[in-house]
Amino acid sequence: MANFPLIGPSYTSQSINVECQKSVNFYPELVESQRGKNIIALYPTPGLATFCTLSGSSVRAIHSLTYGAAERVFAVSGTDFVEMLSGGTTTVRGTVANDGLPAAIASSQNQLVIISGGTAYYFTPATNTFAAIAGMLGTPFQTTFIDG
């Protein structure tokens, strides 16, 4: 059987057009006897644990917001707009359209804008108010926040 050297260096050049490799959450371990099937093995990073489980079929966006003294984390998972709380629990804050594509979230200090399934929504952290934005011209697909 042929031996394919699949484990090698992980390196990103100054220009990703030249070289772009990245090993995430794995570390290499040398086989000390040098008699194994390979001389290096990749093992997953120990100590990782599930923080929370979201109800949707896939996570389509995630966004953190510093609101007052608290860091709040939000996600779009399937049709749910969810807040992930510090204890690993979640609270569904609203329902969004799901076209299976990535969603987008941007925020100021007072509101979040969520784009999902060609519909725009807003969320106000002070009151936990969630609603669709009415009267949009066209079909939104991305969002950003510009301070000023």
N, C-alpha and C. Protein backbone atom coordinates (compact mmCIF):
# COMPACT_ATOMS: atom_id res chain seq x y z
N MET A 1 0.85 -1.18 0.00
CA MET A 1 0.00 0.00 0.00
C MET A 1 0.89 1.24 0.00
N ALA A 2 0.50 2.23 -0.78
CA ALA A 2 1.28 3.47 -0.88
C ALA A 2 1.15 4.28 0.41
N ASN A 3 2.22 4.99 0.76
CA ASN A 3 2.24 5.84 1.94
C ASN A 3 2.20 7.29 1.49
N PHE A 4 1.12 8.00 1.85
CA PHE A 4 0.96 9.39 1.46
C PHE A 4 1.27 10.29 2.66
N PRO A 5 2.23 11.18 2.55
CA PRO A 5 2.60 12.06 3.67
C PRO A 5 1.58 13.19 3.86
N LEU A 6 0.49 12.90 4.57
CA LEU A 6 -0.56 13.89 4.75
C LEU A 6 -0.29 14.85 5.91
N ILE A 7 0.62 14.49 6.79
CA ILE A 7 0.91 15.35 7.92
C ILE A 7 2.20 16.11 7.62
N GLY A 8 2.09 17.41 7.62
CA GLY A 8 3.26 18.22 7.33
C GLY A 8 3.14 19.55 8.03
N PRO A 9 3.95 20.50 7.65
CA PRO A 9 3.93 21.80 8.33
C PRO A 9 2.64 22.56 8.06
N SER A 10 2.30 23.41 8.98
CA SER A 10 1.15 24.32 8.85
C SER A 10 1.73 25.72 8.76
N TYR A 11 1.50 26.38 7.65
CA TYR A 11 2.20 27.63 7.40
C TYR A 11 1.32 28.55 6.57
N THR A 12 1.26 29.81 6.94
CA THR A 12 0.59 30.82 6.14
C THR A 12 1.60 31.89 5.78
N SER A 13 1.76 32.12 4.49
CA SER A 13 2.71 33.11 4.00
C SER A 13 2.18 34.53 4.23
N GLN A 14 3.02 35.50 4.01
CA GLN A 14 2.61 36.91 4.07
C GLN A 14 1.48 37.15 3.07
N SER A 15 1.51 36.45 1.96
CA SER A 15 0.45 36.51 0.96
C SER A 15 -0.23 35.15 0.91
N ILE A 16 -1.55 35.10 1.18
CA ILE A 16 -2.25 33.81 1.14
C ILE A 16 -2.35 33.26 -0.27
N ASN A 17 -2.08 34.08 -1.29
CA ASN A 17 -2.04 33.57 -2.66
C ASN A 17 -0.82 32.69 -2.90
N VAL A 18 0.22 32.89 -2.11
CA VAL A 18 1.45 32.10 -2.25
C VAL A 18 1.33 30.79 -1.47
N GLU A 19 0.93 30.85 -0.21
CA GLU A 19 0.83 29.67 0.64
C GLU A 19 -0.16 29.93 1.76
N CYS A 20 -1.11 29.03 1.94
CA CYS A 20 -2.11 29.21 2.98
C CYS A 20 -2.51 27.86 3.54
N GLN A 21 -1.90 27.46 4.65
CA GLN A 21 -2.25 26.24 5.34
C GLN A 21 -2.47 26.57 6.81
N LYS A 22 -3.36 25.86 7.44
CA LYS A 22 -3.60 26.14 8.85
C LYS A 22 -4.15 24.89 9.53
N SER A 23 -3.50 24.43 10.58
CA SER A 23 -4.02 23.35 11.42
C SER A 23 -4.70 23.99 12.62
N VAL A 24 -5.94 23.69 12.83
CA VAL A 24 -6.71 24.29 13.91
C VAL A 24 -7.11 23.21 14.91
N ASN A 25 -6.81 23.43 16.16
CA ASN A 25 -7.17 22.54 17.26
C ASN A 25 -6.56 21.15 17.15
N PHE A 26 -5.42 21.02 16.50
CA PHE A 26 -4.67 19.77 16.44
C PHE A 26 -3.21 20.06 16.73
N TYR A 27 -2.53 19.08 17.31
CA TYR A 27 -1.10 19.24 17.54
C TYR A 27 -0.38 17.99 17.04
N PRO A 28 0.84 18.17 16.51
CA PRO A 28 1.60 17.01 16.00
C PRO A 28 2.35 16.31 17.14
N GLU A 29 2.42 15.00 17.05
CA GLU A 29 3.21 14.22 18.01
C GLU A 29 4.10 13.27 17.22
N LEU A 30 5.39 13.31 17.51
CA LEU A 30 6.38 12.46 16.85
C LEU A 30 6.28 11.05 17.41
N VAL A 31 6.27 10.03 16.55
CA VAL A 31 6.31 8.64 16.98
C VAL A 31 7.77 8.33 17.32
N GLU A 32 8.07 8.21 18.60
CA GLU A 32 9.46 8.14 19.06
C GLU A 32 10.19 6.89 18.58
N SER A 33 9.48 5.78 18.43
CA SER A 33 10.16 4.55 18.02
C SER A 33 10.58 4.59 16.56
N GLN A 34 9.99 5.46 15.78
CA GLN A 34 10.23 5.56 14.34
C GLN A 34 9.85 4.27 13.60
N ARG A 35 9.07 3.39 14.26
CA ARG A 35 8.69 2.11 13.65
C ARG A 35 7.19 2.04 13.39
N GLY A 36 6.47 3.11 13.64
CA GLY A 36 5.02 3.10 13.42
C GLY A 36 4.69 3.22 11.94
N LYS A 37 3.41 3.22 11.64
CA LYS A 37 2.97 3.38 10.25
C LYS A 37 3.37 4.74 9.71
N ASN A 38 3.42 5.72 10.58
CA ASN A 38 3.85 7.08 10.22
C ASN A 38 4.82 7.57 11.28
N ILE A 39 5.55 8.63 10.98
CA ILE A 39 6.49 9.15 11.97
C ILE A 39 5.87 10.27 12.79
N ILE A 40 4.73 10.83 12.32
CA ILE A 40 4.04 11.89 13.03
C ILE A 40 2.54 11.59 13.02
N ALA A 41 1.88 11.94 14.12
CA ALA A 41 0.42 11.82 14.20
C ALA A 41 -0.16 13.16 14.63
N LEU A 42 -1.35 13.46 14.16
CA LEU A 42 -2.07 14.67 14.60
C LEU A 42 -3.15 14.26 15.58
N TYR A 43 -3.15 14.89 16.76
CA TYR A 43 -4.15 14.60 17.78
C TYR A 43 -4.96 15.86 18.08
N PRO A 44 -6.25 15.68 18.41
CA PRO A 44 -7.06 16.86 18.75
C PRO A 44 -6.61 17.49 20.05
N THR A 45 -6.84 18.77 20.18
CA THR A 45 -6.46 19.50 21.38
C THR A 45 -7.28 19.00 22.57
N PRO A 46 -6.62 18.62 23.65
CA PRO A 46 -7.36 18.14 24.81
C PRO A 46 -8.02 19.29 25.57
N GLY A 47 -9.05 18.97 26.31
CA GLY A 47 -9.66 19.96 27.18
C GLY A 47 -10.78 20.75 26.57
N LEU A 48 -11.12 20.51 25.31
CA LEU A 48 -12.24 21.23 24.71
C LEU A 48 -13.54 20.56 25.13
N ALA A 49 -14.53 21.36 25.45
CA ALA A 49 -15.81 20.83 25.88
C ALA A 49 -16.93 21.63 25.22
N THR A 50 -18.07 21.01 25.04
CA THR A 50 -19.23 21.70 24.47
C THR A 50 -19.72 22.73 25.46
N PHE A 51 -19.84 23.98 25.00
CA PHE A 51 -20.34 25.05 25.87
C PHE A 51 -21.86 25.07 25.88
N CYS A 52 -22.47 25.02 24.70
CA CYS A 52 -23.93 24.98 24.61
C CYS A 52 -24.32 24.33 23.30
N THR A 53 -25.56 23.91 23.22
CA THR A 53 -26.09 23.30 22.01
C THR A 53 -27.22 24.17 21.50
N LEU A 54 -27.13 24.53 20.23
CA LEU A 54 -28.17 25.36 19.62
C LEU A 54 -29.18 24.47 18.91
N SER A 55 -30.41 24.95 18.82
CA SER A 55 -31.51 24.12 18.32
C SER A 55 -31.57 24.02 16.81
N GLY A 56 -31.00 24.97 16.09
CA GLY A 56 -31.10 24.97 14.63
C GLY A 56 -30.21 23.93 13.98
N SER A 57 -30.43 23.75 12.68
CA SER A 57 -29.67 22.74 11.93
C SER A 57 -28.23 23.17 11.69
N SER A 58 -27.97 24.48 11.63
CA SER A 58 -26.60 24.96 11.43
C SER A 58 -26.47 26.37 11.97
N VAL A 59 -25.28 26.72 12.41
CA VAL A 59 -25.02 28.08 12.89
C VAL A 59 -24.64 28.91 11.68
N ARG A 60 -25.44 29.93 11.36
CA ARG A 60 -25.24 30.72 10.15
C ARG A 60 -24.61 32.08 10.44
N ALA A 61 -24.56 32.48 11.71
CA ALA A 61 -23.89 33.73 12.10
C ALA A 61 -23.69 33.70 13.61
N ILE A 62 -22.63 34.38 14.06
CA ILE A 62 -22.38 34.53 15.50
C ILE A 62 -21.78 35.91 15.70
N HIS A 63 -22.15 36.57 16.80
CA HIS A 63 -21.73 37.96 17.01
C HIS A 63 -21.67 38.23 18.51
N SER A 64 -20.61 38.90 18.96
CA SER A 64 -20.52 39.30 20.37
C SER A 64 -20.66 40.81 20.47
N LEU A 65 -21.23 41.24 21.57
CA LEU A 65 -21.51 42.65 21.81
C LEU A 65 -21.21 42.96 23.27
N THR A 66 -20.42 44.00 23.50
CA THR A 66 -20.22 44.48 24.87
C THR A 66 -21.31 45.50 25.14
N TYR A 67 -22.22 45.13 26.05
CA TYR A 67 -23.34 45.99 26.37
C TYR A 67 -23.27 46.32 27.86
N GLY A 68 -22.93 47.57 28.17
CA GLY A 68 -22.69 47.94 29.56
C GLY A 68 -21.45 47.21 30.04
N ALA A 69 -21.56 46.51 31.15
CA ALA A 69 -20.42 45.77 31.68
C ALA A 69 -20.44 44.32 31.23
N ALA A 70 -21.46 43.94 30.47
CA ALA A 70 -21.62 42.53 30.10
C ALA A 70 -21.23 42.28 28.64
N GLU A 71 -20.67 41.12 28.41
CA GLU A 71 -20.42 40.65 27.05
C GLU A 71 -21.57 39.72 26.70
N ARG A 72 -22.28 40.05 25.63
CA ARG A 72 -23.41 39.23 25.20
C ARG A 72 -23.08 38.62 23.84
N VAL A 73 -23.46 37.35 23.67
CA VAL A 73 -23.14 36.63 22.45
C VAL A 73 -24.45 36.15 21.81
N PHE A 74 -24.58 36.42 20.51
CA PHE A 74 -25.78 36.08 19.76
C PHE A 74 -25.42 35.22 18.57
N ALA A 75 -26.38 34.40 18.12
CA ALA A 75 -26.16 33.55 16.96
C ALA A 75 -27.46 33.41 16.18
N VAL A 76 -27.31 33.13 14.89
CA VAL A 76 -28.44 32.72 14.06
C VAL A 76 -28.22 31.25 13.79
N SER A 77 -29.14 30.43 14.27
CA SER A 77 -29.05 28.97 14.13
C SER A 77 -30.36 28.48 13.54
N GLY A 78 -30.31 28.04 12.28
CA GLY A 78 -31.55 27.65 11.61
C GLY A 78 -32.46 28.86 11.47
N THR A 79 -33.64 28.78 12.06
CA THR A 79 -34.58 29.91 12.04
C THR A 79 -34.58 30.68 13.36
N ASP A 80 -33.70 30.33 14.28
CA ASP A 80 -33.67 30.97 15.59
C ASP A 80 -32.60 32.04 15.68
N PHE A 81 -32.95 33.20 16.26
CA PHE A 81 -31.99 34.20 16.68
C PHE A 81 -31.83 33.99 18.18
N VAL A 82 -30.65 33.57 18.60
CA VAL A 82 -30.43 33.05 19.95
C VAL A 82 -29.39 33.87 20.68
N GLU A 83 -29.58 34.04 21.99
CA GLU A 83 -28.54 34.58 22.86
C GLU A 83 -27.96 33.43 23.66
N MET A 84 -26.60 33.32 23.65
CA MET A 84 -25.92 32.30 24.42
C MET A 84 -25.50 32.92 25.75
N LEU A 85 -25.99 32.38 26.84
CA LEU A 85 -25.76 32.95 28.16
C LEU A 85 -24.53 32.31 28.81
N SER A 86 -23.99 32.98 29.83
CA SER A 86 -22.71 32.59 30.42
C SER A 86 -22.71 31.18 31.01
N GLY A 87 -23.82 30.68 31.46
CA GLY A 87 -23.86 29.35 32.06
C GLY A 87 -23.98 28.22 31.04
N GLY A 88 -23.98 28.56 29.74
CA GLY A 88 -24.12 27.55 28.70
C GLY A 88 -25.55 27.32 28.27
N THR A 89 -26.46 28.10 28.81
CA THR A 89 -27.85 28.00 28.38
C THR A 89 -28.10 28.98 27.24
N THR A 90 -29.21 28.81 26.56
CA THR A 90 -29.55 29.70 25.45
C THR A 90 -30.97 30.21 25.60
N THR A 91 -31.22 31.39 25.03
CA THR A 91 -32.56 31.97 25.00
C THR A 91 -32.85 32.39 23.57
N VAL A 92 -33.95 31.88 23.01
CA VAL A 92 -34.36 32.29 21.67
C VAL A 92 -34.96 33.68 21.79
N ARG A 93 -34.38 34.64 21.07
CA ARG A 93 -34.85 36.04 21.12
C ARG A 93 -35.76 36.39 19.95
N GLY A 94 -35.79 35.53 18.91
CA GLY A 94 -36.66 35.81 17.77
C GLY A 94 -36.54 34.71 16.73
N THR A 95 -37.40 34.79 15.72
CA THR A 95 -37.40 33.85 14.61
C THR A 95 -37.08 34.59 13.33
N VAL A 96 -36.17 34.02 12.52
CA VAL A 96 -35.73 34.66 11.28
C VAL A 96 -36.01 33.73 10.10
N ALA A 97 -36.01 34.31 8.91
CA ALA A 97 -36.14 33.52 7.69
C ALA A 97 -34.85 32.73 7.48
N ASN A 98 -34.97 31.54 6.91
CA ASN A 98 -33.80 30.70 6.68
C ASN A 98 -33.76 30.27 5.23
N ASP A 99 -32.78 30.78 4.48
CA ASP A 99 -32.58 30.36 3.10
C ASP A 99 -31.41 29.40 2.97
N GLY A 100 -30.85 28.97 4.11
CA GLY A 100 -29.73 28.04 4.10
C GLY A 100 -28.38 28.69 3.88
N LEU A 101 -28.37 29.99 3.62
CA LEU A 101 -27.13 30.73 3.39
C LEU A 101 -26.66 31.38 4.69
N PRO A 102 -25.40 31.83 4.75
CA PRO A 102 -24.95 32.53 5.95
C PRO A 102 -25.80 33.77 6.23
N ALA A 103 -26.00 34.05 7.50
CA ALA A 103 -26.69 35.27 7.93
C ALA A 103 -25.62 36.30 8.29
N ALA A 104 -26.03 37.54 8.54
CA ALA A 104 -25.09 38.60 8.91
C ALA A 104 -25.63 39.35 10.12
N ILE A 105 -24.73 39.74 11.01
CA ILE A 105 -25.11 40.51 12.20
C ILE A 105 -24.11 41.65 12.35
N ALA A 106 -24.61 42.85 12.60
CA ALA A 106 -23.76 44.01 12.92
C ALA A 106 -24.42 44.74 14.08
N SER A 107 -23.63 45.51 14.84
CA SER A 107 -24.20 46.17 16.01
C SER A 107 -23.57 47.51 16.29
N SER A 108 -24.37 48.36 16.91
CA SER A 108 -23.88 49.57 17.55
C SER A 108 -23.91 49.26 19.04
N GLN A 109 -23.80 50.26 19.87
CA GLN A 109 -23.91 50.03 21.32
C GLN A 109 -25.36 49.84 21.75
N ASN A 110 -26.32 50.19 20.88
CA ASN A 110 -27.73 50.16 21.26
C ASN A 110 -28.58 49.13 20.54
N GLN A 111 -28.15 48.68 19.36
CA GLN A 111 -28.97 47.75 18.59
C GLN A 111 -28.11 46.82 17.75
N LEU A 112 -28.70 45.68 17.42
CA LEU A 112 -28.11 44.75 16.46
C LEU A 112 -29.01 44.74 15.23
N VAL A 113 -28.40 44.58 14.07
CA VAL A 113 -29.13 44.36 12.83
C VAL A 113 -28.77 42.96 12.36
N ILE A 114 -29.80 42.18 12.04
CA ILE A 114 -29.62 40.80 11.60
C ILE A 114 -30.19 40.69 10.19
N ILE A 115 -29.42 40.13 9.28
CA ILE A 115 -29.89 39.87 7.91
C ILE A 115 -29.92 38.36 7.75
N SER A 116 -31.09 37.83 7.42
CA SER A 116 -31.23 36.39 7.24
C SER A 116 -32.35 36.12 6.25
N GLY A 117 -32.07 35.30 5.27
CA GLY A 117 -33.10 34.92 4.30
C GLY A 117 -33.67 36.09 3.52
N GLY A 118 -32.86 37.12 3.29
CA GLY A 118 -33.33 38.27 2.53
C GLY A 118 -34.22 39.22 3.31
N THR A 119 -34.24 39.09 4.62
CA THR A 119 -35.04 39.95 5.50
C THR A 119 -34.14 40.57 6.55
N ALA A 120 -34.40 41.84 6.87
CA ALA A 120 -33.64 42.55 7.91
C ALA A 120 -34.46 42.59 9.20
N TYR A 121 -33.77 42.40 10.31
CA TYR A 121 -34.38 42.43 11.64
C TYR A 121 -33.54 43.32 12.54
N TYR A 122 -34.13 43.80 13.64
CA TYR A 122 -33.35 44.52 14.64
C TYR A 122 -33.62 43.92 16.01
N PHE A 123 -32.61 44.05 16.88
CA PHE A 123 -32.72 43.59 18.26
C PHE A 123 -32.17 44.69 19.15
N THR A 124 -32.92 45.05 20.17
CA THR A 124 -32.50 46.08 21.13
C THR A 124 -32.15 45.40 22.45
N PRO A 125 -30.86 45.36 22.83
CA PRO A 125 -30.45 44.66 24.05
C PRO A 125 -31.07 45.23 25.33
N ALA A 126 -31.31 46.52 25.39
CA ALA A 126 -31.85 47.13 26.62
C ALA A 126 -33.22 46.58 26.97
N THR A 127 -34.03 46.26 25.95
CA THR A 127 -35.39 45.79 26.18
C THR A 127 -35.63 44.37 25.67
N ASN A 128 -34.60 43.77 25.06
CA ASN A 128 -34.72 42.46 24.43
C ASN A 128 -35.84 42.43 23.39
N THR A 129 -36.00 43.54 22.67
CA THR A 129 -37.02 43.66 21.63
C THR A 129 -36.45 43.19 20.30
N PHE A 130 -37.21 42.33 19.62
CA PHE A 130 -36.82 41.80 18.32
C PHE A 130 -37.96 41.99 17.34
N ALA A 131 -37.66 42.49 16.13
CA ALA A 131 -38.70 42.66 15.12
C ALA A 131 -38.07 42.78 13.74
N ALA A 132 -38.88 42.51 12.73
CA ALA A 132 -38.45 42.71 11.35
C ALA A 132 -38.45 44.20 11.05
N ILE A 133 -37.55 44.63 10.17
CA ILE A 133 -37.50 46.03 9.75
C ILE A 133 -38.41 46.18 8.54
N ALA A 134 -39.42 47.01 8.67
CA ALA A 134 -40.40 47.19 7.60
C ALA A 134 -39.92 48.24 6.60
N GLY A 135 -40.40 48.14 5.36
CA GLY A 135 -40.15 49.17 4.36
C GLY A 135 -38.79 49.13 3.72
N MET A 136 -38.11 47.97 3.73
CA MET A 136 -36.79 47.86 3.10
C MET A 136 -36.94 47.91 1.58
N LEU A 137 -36.05 48.64 0.92
CA LEU A 137 -36.02 48.65 -0.54
C LEU A 137 -35.02 47.59 -0.99
N GLY A 138 -35.45 46.68 -1.82
CA GLY A 138 -34.56 45.62 -2.27
C GLY A 138 -34.49 44.48 -1.27
N THR A 139 -33.58 43.55 -1.54
CA THR A 139 -33.40 42.38 -0.68
C THR A 139 -32.04 42.48 0.00
N PRO A 140 -32.02 42.68 1.31
CA PRO A 140 -30.72 42.80 2.01
C PRO A 140 -30.02 41.45 2.09
N PHE A 141 -28.68 41.47 2.00
CA PHE A 141 -27.91 40.24 2.14
C PHE A 141 -26.68 40.42 3.02
N GLN A 142 -26.32 41.66 3.38
CA GLN A 142 -25.21 41.89 4.30
C GLN A 142 -25.46 43.17 5.06
N THR A 143 -24.72 43.35 6.15
CA THR A 143 -24.87 44.54 6.97
C THR A 143 -23.54 44.88 7.61
N THR A 144 -23.39 46.15 7.98
CA THR A 144 -22.21 46.60 8.70
C THR A 144 -22.61 47.81 9.53
N PHE A 145 -21.77 48.16 10.49
CA PHE A 145 -22.02 49.34 11.32
C PHE A 145 -20.87 50.31 11.11
N ILE A 146 -21.22 51.57 10.83
CA ILE A 146 -20.21 52.63 10.68
C ILE A 146 -20.48 53.65 11.76
N ASP A 147 -19.54 53.83 12.66
CA ASP A 147 -19.70 54.77 13.76
C ASP A 147 -19.59 56.19 13.24
N GLY A 148 -20.53 57.04 13.60
CA GLY A 148 -20.40 58.42 13.19
C GLY A 148 -21.70 59.02 12.99
